[in-house]
Amino acid sequence: MIGQAEAVQVVQDFYAAWRQWDVATLLVLLDEEVEWHFNGRPQDIPFAGRWLGQAQMVDFLQTVALSCDVLEFGPHEIIPLGEHILSLGYEQVKVKTTGRTFETDWAHLFTVRHGKVVRLRGFSDTAVMARAFLK
């Protein structure tokens, strides 16, 4: 088990790699069997749902890249809770198929073990997101 400071650093490194769209580094930070869950209905938001393992994470990242232009994204606060890290943030995203933009605050709950993200739960305003994707 790693300490809280190290777990926070894993999450900070994750966001830094996300901002650079550095998929190789993202995968290094994720456990082979990572469980990734973003609230929402996949029929409304293409990247909502449950994604398991690194191969599905690559699919998740491709889905985000193909469907969205991320205009702003990042945490405002990172709160260590043992092996869990709570991150509160904001995003502004333009949906490629509709041209609509959505903004939402979000909460990400990471579980970090042995220097890797093993689980992430993402919570945001899915109604706002779904409206932006609606054709």
N, C-alpha and C. Protein backbone atom coordinates (compact mmCIF):
# COMPACT_ATOMS: atom_id res chain seq x y z
N MET A 1 0.84 -1.18 0.00
CA MET A 1 0.00 0.00 0.00
C MET A 1 0.89 1.25 0.00
N ILE A 2 0.47 2.25 -0.76
CA ILE A 2 1.24 3.49 -0.80
C ILE A 2 0.58 4.52 0.11
N GLY A 3 1.33 5.55 0.46
CA GLY A 3 0.80 6.59 1.32
C GLY A 3 -0.12 7.54 0.56
N GLN A 4 -0.80 8.39 1.33
CA GLN A 4 -1.74 9.33 0.74
C GLN A 4 -1.06 10.30 -0.22
N ALA A 5 0.12 10.77 0.14
CA ALA A 5 0.82 11.72 -0.74
C ALA A 5 1.13 11.07 -2.09
N GLU A 6 1.52 9.81 -2.06
CA GLU A 6 1.82 9.10 -3.30
C GLU A 6 0.55 8.86 -4.12
N ALA A 7 -0.55 8.54 -3.43
CA ALA A 7 -1.83 8.34 -4.14
C ALA A 7 -2.29 9.64 -4.79
N VAL A 8 -2.14 10.75 -4.07
CA VAL A 8 -2.49 12.06 -4.65
C VAL A 8 -1.62 12.33 -5.88
N GLN A 9 -0.34 11.99 -5.80
CA GLN A 9 0.56 12.22 -6.93
C GLN A 9 0.14 11.40 -8.15
N VAL A 10 -0.31 10.17 -7.94
CA VAL A 10 -0.80 9.34 -9.05
C VAL A 10 -1.97 10.05 -9.74
N VAL A 11 -2.89 10.59 -8.95
CA VAL A 11 -4.04 11.29 -9.52
C VAL A 11 -3.60 12.57 -10.24
N GLN A 12 -2.68 13.32 -9.65
CA GLN A 12 -2.17 14.52 -10.32
C GLN A 12 -1.47 14.17 -11.63
N ASP A 13 -0.70 13.09 -11.62
CA ASP A 13 -0.03 12.63 -12.85
C ASP A 13 -1.06 12.21 -13.89
N PHE A 14 -2.14 11.58 -13.43
CA PHE A 14 -3.21 11.19 -14.33
C PHE A 14 -3.80 12.41 -15.04
N TYR A 15 -4.13 13.44 -14.28
CA TYR A 15 -4.70 14.65 -14.90
C TYR A 15 -3.70 15.35 -15.82
N ALA A 16 -2.44 15.35 -15.45
CA ALA A 16 -1.42 15.95 -16.32
C ALA A 16 -1.34 15.20 -17.65
N ALA A 17 -1.37 13.87 -17.59
CA ALA A 17 -1.35 13.07 -18.82
C ALA A 17 -2.62 13.29 -19.63
N TRP A 18 -3.76 13.41 -18.95
CA TRP A 18 -5.04 13.65 -19.63
C TRP A 18 -4.98 14.97 -20.40
N ARG A 19 -4.45 16.03 -19.76
CA ARG A 19 -4.37 17.34 -20.42
C ARG A 19 -3.51 17.28 -21.68
N GLN A 20 -2.48 16.44 -21.65
CA GLN A 20 -1.59 16.29 -22.81
C GLN A 20 -2.09 15.22 -23.79
N TRP A 21 -3.16 14.55 -23.42
CA TRP A 21 -3.70 13.41 -24.17
C TRP A 21 -2.60 12.38 -24.42
N ASP A 22 -1.85 12.10 -23.35
CA ASP A 22 -0.73 11.16 -23.38
C ASP A 22 -1.26 9.78 -22.96
N VAL A 23 -1.77 9.06 -23.93
CA VAL A 23 -2.41 7.77 -23.67
C VAL A 23 -1.43 6.77 -23.07
N ALA A 24 -0.19 6.77 -23.53
CA ALA A 24 0.80 5.82 -23.00
C ALA A 24 0.99 6.03 -21.50
N THR A 25 1.11 7.26 -21.07
CA THR A 25 1.28 7.54 -19.64
C THR A 25 0.00 7.22 -18.87
N LEU A 26 -1.16 7.54 -19.45
CA LEU A 26 -2.42 7.19 -18.80
C LEU A 26 -2.48 5.69 -18.51
N LEU A 27 -2.10 4.89 -19.50
CA LEU A 27 -2.16 3.44 -19.32
C LEU A 27 -1.15 2.95 -18.27
N VAL A 28 0.00 3.61 -18.17
CA VAL A 28 0.97 3.24 -17.14
C VAL A 28 0.39 3.48 -15.75
N LEU A 29 -0.44 4.51 -15.62
CA LEU A 29 -1.02 4.87 -14.33
C LEU A 29 -2.23 4.02 -13.96
N LEU A 30 -2.76 3.29 -14.92
CA LEU A 30 -3.95 2.47 -14.69
C LEU A 30 -3.57 1.01 -14.49
N ASP A 31 -4.19 0.39 -13.52
CA ASP A 31 -4.02 -1.04 -13.29
C ASP A 31 -4.50 -1.81 -14.53
N GLU A 32 -3.92 -2.96 -14.78
CA GLU A 32 -4.34 -3.80 -15.92
C GLU A 32 -5.83 -4.09 -15.89
N GLU A 33 -6.39 -4.26 -14.69
CA GLU A 33 -7.80 -4.61 -14.53
C GLU A 33 -8.64 -3.43 -14.06
N VAL A 34 -8.23 -2.22 -14.40
CA VAL A 34 -8.92 -1.01 -13.94
C VAL A 34 -10.43 -1.09 -14.22
N GLU A 35 -11.20 -0.60 -13.28
CA GLU A 35 -12.65 -0.51 -13.44
C GLU A 35 -13.01 0.97 -13.51
N TRP A 36 -13.60 1.36 -14.60
CA TRP A 36 -13.88 2.77 -14.89
C TRP A 36 -15.38 2.91 -15.07
N HIS A 37 -16.01 3.78 -14.32
CA HIS A 37 -17.46 3.94 -14.43
C HIS A 37 -17.83 5.41 -14.44
N PHE A 38 -18.47 5.84 -15.53
CA PHE A 38 -19.01 7.18 -15.63
C PHE A 38 -20.52 7.08 -15.64
N ASN A 39 -21.13 7.79 -14.70
CA ASN A 39 -22.59 7.76 -14.62
C ASN A 39 -23.20 8.27 -15.91
N GLY A 40 -24.39 7.80 -16.19
CA GLY A 40 -25.11 8.20 -17.38
C GLY A 40 -25.48 6.98 -18.20
N ARG A 41 -26.30 7.24 -19.20
CA ARG A 41 -26.75 6.16 -20.08
C ARG A 41 -25.94 6.20 -21.37
N PRO A 42 -25.32 5.08 -21.74
CA PRO A 42 -24.50 5.06 -22.96
C PRO A 42 -25.28 5.45 -24.22
N GLN A 43 -26.61 5.21 -24.24
CA GLN A 43 -27.38 5.61 -25.42
C GLN A 43 -27.51 7.14 -25.50
N ASP A 44 -27.27 7.85 -24.40
CA ASP A 44 -27.34 9.31 -24.38
C ASP A 44 -25.97 9.97 -24.44
N ILE A 45 -25.00 9.36 -23.77
CA ILE A 45 -23.63 9.89 -23.68
C ILE A 45 -22.70 8.76 -24.09
N PRO A 46 -22.02 8.89 -25.23
CA PRO A 46 -21.26 7.75 -25.78
C PRO A 46 -20.23 7.13 -24.84
N PHE A 47 -19.65 7.90 -23.95
CA PHE A 47 -18.61 7.37 -23.08
C PHE A 47 -19.11 7.04 -21.68
N ALA A 48 -20.42 7.14 -21.45
CA ALA A 48 -20.99 6.77 -20.15
C ALA A 48 -21.00 5.24 -20.03
N GLY A 49 -21.03 4.79 -18.80
CA GLY A 49 -21.12 3.35 -18.57
C GLY A 49 -19.89 2.83 -17.86
N ARG A 50 -19.74 1.52 -17.94
CA ARG A 50 -18.68 0.81 -17.23
C ARG A 50 -17.66 0.28 -18.24
N TRP A 51 -16.39 0.55 -17.97
CA TRP A 51 -15.29 0.13 -18.83
C TRP A 51 -14.33 -0.67 -17.97
N LEU A 52 -13.97 -1.87 -18.40
CA LEU A 52 -13.13 -2.75 -17.59
C LEU A 52 -11.83 -3.08 -18.30
N GLY A 53 -10.72 -2.89 -17.62
CA GLY A 53 -9.41 -3.26 -18.15
C GLY A 53 -8.84 -2.21 -19.09
N GLN A 54 -7.56 -2.32 -19.34
CA GLN A 54 -6.87 -1.33 -20.15
C GLN A 54 -7.34 -1.31 -21.61
N ALA A 55 -7.69 -2.45 -22.18
CA ALA A 55 -8.16 -2.47 -23.57
C ALA A 55 -9.44 -1.65 -23.70
N GLN A 56 -10.36 -1.80 -22.76
CA GLN A 56 -11.59 -1.00 -22.81
C GLN A 56 -11.30 0.47 -22.51
N MET A 57 -10.27 0.74 -21.73
CA MET A 57 -9.89 2.13 -21.48
C MET A 57 -9.43 2.80 -22.76
N VAL A 58 -8.71 2.08 -23.60
CA VAL A 58 -8.32 2.63 -24.90
C VAL A 58 -9.58 2.94 -25.71
N ASP A 59 -10.57 2.05 -25.68
CA ASP A 59 -11.85 2.30 -26.35
C ASP A 59 -12.53 3.54 -25.78
N PHE A 60 -12.52 3.67 -24.45
CA PHE A 60 -13.10 4.84 -23.80
C PHE A 60 -12.44 6.12 -24.30
N LEU A 61 -11.12 6.13 -24.31
CA LEU A 61 -10.38 7.33 -24.74
C LEU A 61 -10.66 7.66 -26.20
N GLN A 62 -10.73 6.63 -27.04
CA GLN A 62 -11.07 6.86 -28.45
C GLN A 62 -12.48 7.41 -28.60
N THR A 63 -13.41 6.91 -27.80
CA THR A 63 -14.79 7.38 -27.84
C THR A 63 -14.86 8.86 -27.46
N VAL A 64 -14.14 9.23 -26.41
CA VAL A 64 -14.10 10.65 -26.02
C VAL A 64 -13.51 11.49 -27.14
N ALA A 65 -12.38 11.06 -27.70
CA ALA A 65 -11.70 11.83 -28.73
C ALA A 65 -12.55 11.97 -29.99
N LEU A 66 -13.29 10.92 -30.35
CA LEU A 66 -14.11 10.98 -31.56
C LEU A 66 -15.39 11.79 -31.37
N SER A 67 -15.87 11.89 -30.15
CA SER A 67 -17.16 12.53 -29.92
C SER A 67 -17.07 13.95 -29.38
N CYS A 68 -15.92 14.34 -28.85
CA CYS A 68 -15.84 15.62 -28.13
C CYS A 68 -14.56 16.39 -28.43
N ASP A 69 -14.69 17.70 -28.32
CA ASP A 69 -13.54 18.59 -28.21
C ASP A 69 -13.57 19.13 -26.80
N VAL A 70 -12.58 18.76 -26.00
CA VAL A 70 -12.52 19.20 -24.62
C VAL A 70 -11.92 20.61 -24.60
N LEU A 71 -12.73 21.57 -24.21
CA LEU A 71 -12.31 22.97 -24.19
C LEU A 71 -11.64 23.34 -22.88
N GLU A 72 -12.15 22.78 -21.80
CA GLU A 72 -11.58 23.02 -20.48
C GLU A 72 -11.88 21.80 -19.62
N PHE A 73 -10.88 21.38 -18.85
CA PHE A 73 -11.08 20.20 -18.02
C PHE A 73 -10.02 20.20 -16.93
N GLY A 74 -10.43 19.99 -15.71
CA GLY A 74 -9.44 19.82 -14.66
C GLY A 74 -10.02 19.91 -13.28
N PRO A 75 -9.24 19.41 -12.32
CA PRO A 75 -9.68 19.44 -10.93
C PRO A 75 -9.45 20.81 -10.31
N HIS A 76 -10.31 21.15 -9.35
CA HIS A 76 -10.14 22.35 -8.53
C HIS A 76 -9.63 21.96 -7.15
N GLU A 77 -9.96 20.75 -6.74
CA GLU A 77 -9.60 20.30 -5.41
C GLU A 77 -9.37 18.79 -5.45
N ILE A 78 -8.33 18.35 -4.78
CA ILE A 78 -8.03 16.93 -4.66
C ILE A 78 -7.93 16.61 -3.17
N ILE A 79 -8.76 15.66 -2.73
CA ILE A 79 -8.90 15.38 -1.31
C ILE A 79 -8.50 13.92 -1.05
N PRO A 80 -7.42 13.68 -0.30
CA PRO A 80 -7.02 12.31 0.01
C PRO A 80 -7.90 11.69 1.08
N LEU A 81 -8.30 10.46 0.83
CA LEU A 81 -9.13 9.70 1.78
C LEU A 81 -8.58 8.28 1.88
N GLY A 82 -7.34 8.15 2.30
CA GLY A 82 -6.70 6.84 2.35
C GLY A 82 -6.37 6.37 0.94
N GLU A 83 -6.80 5.16 0.59
CA GLU A 83 -6.54 4.66 -0.77
C GLU A 83 -7.48 5.30 -1.79
N HIS A 84 -8.43 6.07 -1.31
CA HIS A 84 -9.36 6.77 -2.19
C HIS A 84 -8.94 8.24 -2.29
N ILE A 85 -9.13 8.79 -3.47
CA ILE A 85 -8.85 10.20 -3.71
C ILE A 85 -10.10 10.79 -4.34
N LEU A 86 -10.63 11.83 -3.71
CA LEU A 86 -11.79 12.54 -4.26
C LEU A 86 -11.29 13.78 -4.97
N SER A 87 -11.69 13.92 -6.21
CA SER A 87 -11.30 15.06 -7.02
C SER A 87 -12.55 15.79 -7.47
N LEU A 88 -12.60 17.09 -7.22
CA LEU A 88 -13.73 17.91 -7.63
C LEU A 88 -13.24 18.85 -8.73
N GLY A 89 -13.98 18.92 -9.83
CA GLY A 89 -13.50 19.71 -10.95
C GLY A 89 -14.62 20.22 -11.83
N TYR A 90 -14.21 20.66 -13.01
CA TYR A 90 -15.10 21.32 -13.97
C TYR A 90 -14.65 20.95 -15.38
N GLU A 91 -15.62 20.90 -16.28
CA GLU A 91 -15.27 20.71 -17.69
C GLU A 91 -16.23 21.50 -18.57
N GLN A 92 -15.69 21.91 -19.70
CA GLN A 92 -16.48 22.51 -20.77
C GLN A 92 -16.09 21.75 -22.04
N VAL A 93 -17.11 21.20 -22.71
CA VAL A 93 -16.86 20.28 -23.82
C VAL A 93 -17.80 20.62 -24.98
N LYS A 94 -17.26 20.56 -26.19
CA LYS A 94 -18.07 20.74 -27.40
C LYS A 94 -18.29 19.37 -28.03
N VAL A 95 -19.55 19.03 -28.28
CA VAL A 95 -19.90 17.76 -28.90
C VAL A 95 -19.73 17.91 -30.41
N LYS A 96 -18.95 17.03 -31.01
CA LYS A 96 -18.62 17.15 -32.43
C LYS A 96 -19.83 16.96 -33.35
N THR A 97 -20.72 16.04 -33.02
CA THR A 97 -21.84 15.75 -33.94
C THR A 97 -22.93 16.80 -33.92
N THR A 98 -23.05 17.54 -32.81
CA THR A 98 -24.13 18.54 -32.72
C THR A 98 -23.62 19.97 -32.71
N GLY A 99 -22.36 20.17 -32.39
CA GLY A 99 -21.82 21.51 -32.26
C GLY A 99 -22.20 22.19 -30.95
N ARG A 100 -22.96 21.49 -30.10
CA ARG A 100 -23.38 22.07 -28.82
C ARG A 100 -22.26 21.92 -27.78
N THR A 101 -22.25 22.86 -26.86
CA THR A 101 -21.28 22.84 -25.77
C THR A 101 -22.00 22.60 -24.45
N PHE A 102 -21.40 21.78 -23.61
CA PHE A 102 -21.93 21.62 -22.26
C PHE A 102 -20.85 21.97 -21.24
N GLU A 103 -21.32 22.40 -20.08
CA GLU A 103 -20.46 22.69 -18.95
C GLU A 103 -21.01 21.94 -17.75
N THR A 104 -20.13 21.38 -16.96
CA THR A 104 -20.58 20.68 -15.75
C THR A 104 -19.45 20.62 -14.73
N ASP A 105 -19.84 20.75 -13.48
CA ASP A 105 -18.94 20.40 -12.39
C ASP A 105 -18.97 18.88 -12.28
N TRP A 106 -17.92 18.30 -11.75
CA TRP A 106 -17.90 16.86 -11.59
C TRP A 106 -17.15 16.47 -10.32
N ALA A 107 -17.35 15.20 -9.97
CA ALA A 107 -16.60 14.57 -8.88
C ALA A 107 -16.06 13.25 -9.41
N HIS A 108 -14.79 13.01 -9.19
CA HIS A 108 -14.15 11.75 -9.54
C HIS A 108 -13.67 11.11 -8.24
N LEU A 109 -14.04 9.87 -8.03
CA LEU A 109 -13.56 9.13 -6.88
C LEU A 109 -12.63 8.02 -7.38
N PHE A 110 -11.35 8.22 -7.14
CA PHE A 110 -10.32 7.26 -7.54
C PHE A 110 -10.03 6.30 -6.39
N THR A 111 -9.70 5.07 -6.73
CA THR A 111 -9.09 4.14 -5.78
C THR A 111 -7.70 3.84 -6.33
N VAL A 112 -6.69 4.08 -5.51
CA VAL A 112 -5.30 3.90 -5.92
C VAL A 112 -4.67 2.85 -5.02
N ARG A 113 -4.11 1.82 -5.64
CA ARG A 113 -3.39 0.76 -4.91
C ARG A 113 -2.09 0.47 -5.62
N HIS A 114 -1.04 0.34 -4.85
CA HIS A 114 0.28 -0.02 -5.40
C HIS A 114 0.69 0.91 -6.53
N GLY A 115 0.35 2.18 -6.40
CA GLY A 115 0.77 3.18 -7.38
C GLY A 115 -0.02 3.19 -8.67
N LYS A 116 -1.16 2.50 -8.70
CA LYS A 116 -1.99 2.44 -9.91
C LYS A 116 -3.44 2.76 -9.57
N VAL A 117 -4.13 3.37 -10.52
CA VAL A 117 -5.57 3.58 -10.38
C VAL A 117 -6.25 2.25 -10.67
N VAL A 118 -6.97 1.72 -9.69
CA VAL A 118 -7.68 0.46 -9.88
C VAL A 118 -9.17 0.68 -10.14
N ARG A 119 -9.67 1.86 -9.74
CA ARG A 119 -11.09 2.14 -9.93
C ARG A 119 -11.30 3.64 -10.01
N LEU A 120 -12.24 4.03 -10.86
CA LEU A 120 -12.65 5.42 -10.93
C LEU A 120 -14.16 5.47 -11.10
N ARG A 121 -14.78 6.34 -10.32
CA ARG A 121 -16.20 6.62 -10.47
C ARG A 121 -16.33 8.09 -10.83
N GLY A 122 -17.00 8.39 -11.93
CA GLY A 122 -17.17 9.77 -12.37
C GLY A 122 -18.62 10.19 -12.26
N PHE A 123 -18.87 11.32 -11.63
CA PHE A 123 -20.22 11.84 -11.44
C PHE A 123 -20.26 13.27 -11.97
N SER A 124 -21.24 13.55 -12.83
CA SER A 124 -21.38 14.89 -13.38
C SER A 124 -22.86 15.13 -13.69
N ASP A 125 -23.17 16.28 -14.26
CA ASP A 125 -24.54 16.59 -14.63
C ASP A 125 -24.84 15.90 -15.96
N THR A 126 -25.30 14.68 -15.88
CA THR A 126 -25.51 13.89 -17.09
C THR A 126 -26.69 14.40 -17.92
N ALA A 127 -27.65 15.10 -17.31
CA ALA A 127 -28.76 15.66 -18.09
C ALA A 127 -28.25 16.74 -19.04
N VAL A 128 -27.34 17.60 -18.55
CA VAL A 128 -26.76 18.63 -19.39
C VAL A 128 -25.95 17.99 -20.53
N MET A 129 -25.20 16.96 -20.18
CA MET A 129 -24.38 16.29 -21.18
C MET A 129 -25.28 15.63 -22.24
N ALA A 130 -26.30 14.91 -21.81
CA ALA A 130 -27.18 14.20 -22.74
C ALA A 130 -27.86 15.17 -23.69
N ARG A 131 -28.28 16.34 -23.20
CA ARG A 131 -28.91 17.34 -24.08
C ARG A 131 -27.94 17.82 -25.16
N ALA A 132 -26.69 17.95 -24.81
CA ALA A 132 -25.69 18.40 -25.80
C ALA A 132 -25.48 17.34 -26.88
N PHE A 133 -25.63 16.07 -26.55
CA PHE A 133 -25.45 14.99 -27.53
C PHE A 133 -26.72 14.74 -28.35
N LEU A 134 -27.88 15.21 -27.89
CA LEU A 134 -29.15 14.94 -28.55
C LEU A 134 -29.17 15.55 -29.95
N LYS A 135 -29.46 14.71 -30.95
CA LYS A 135 -29.50 15.18 -32.35
C LYS A 135 -30.87 15.67 -32.72
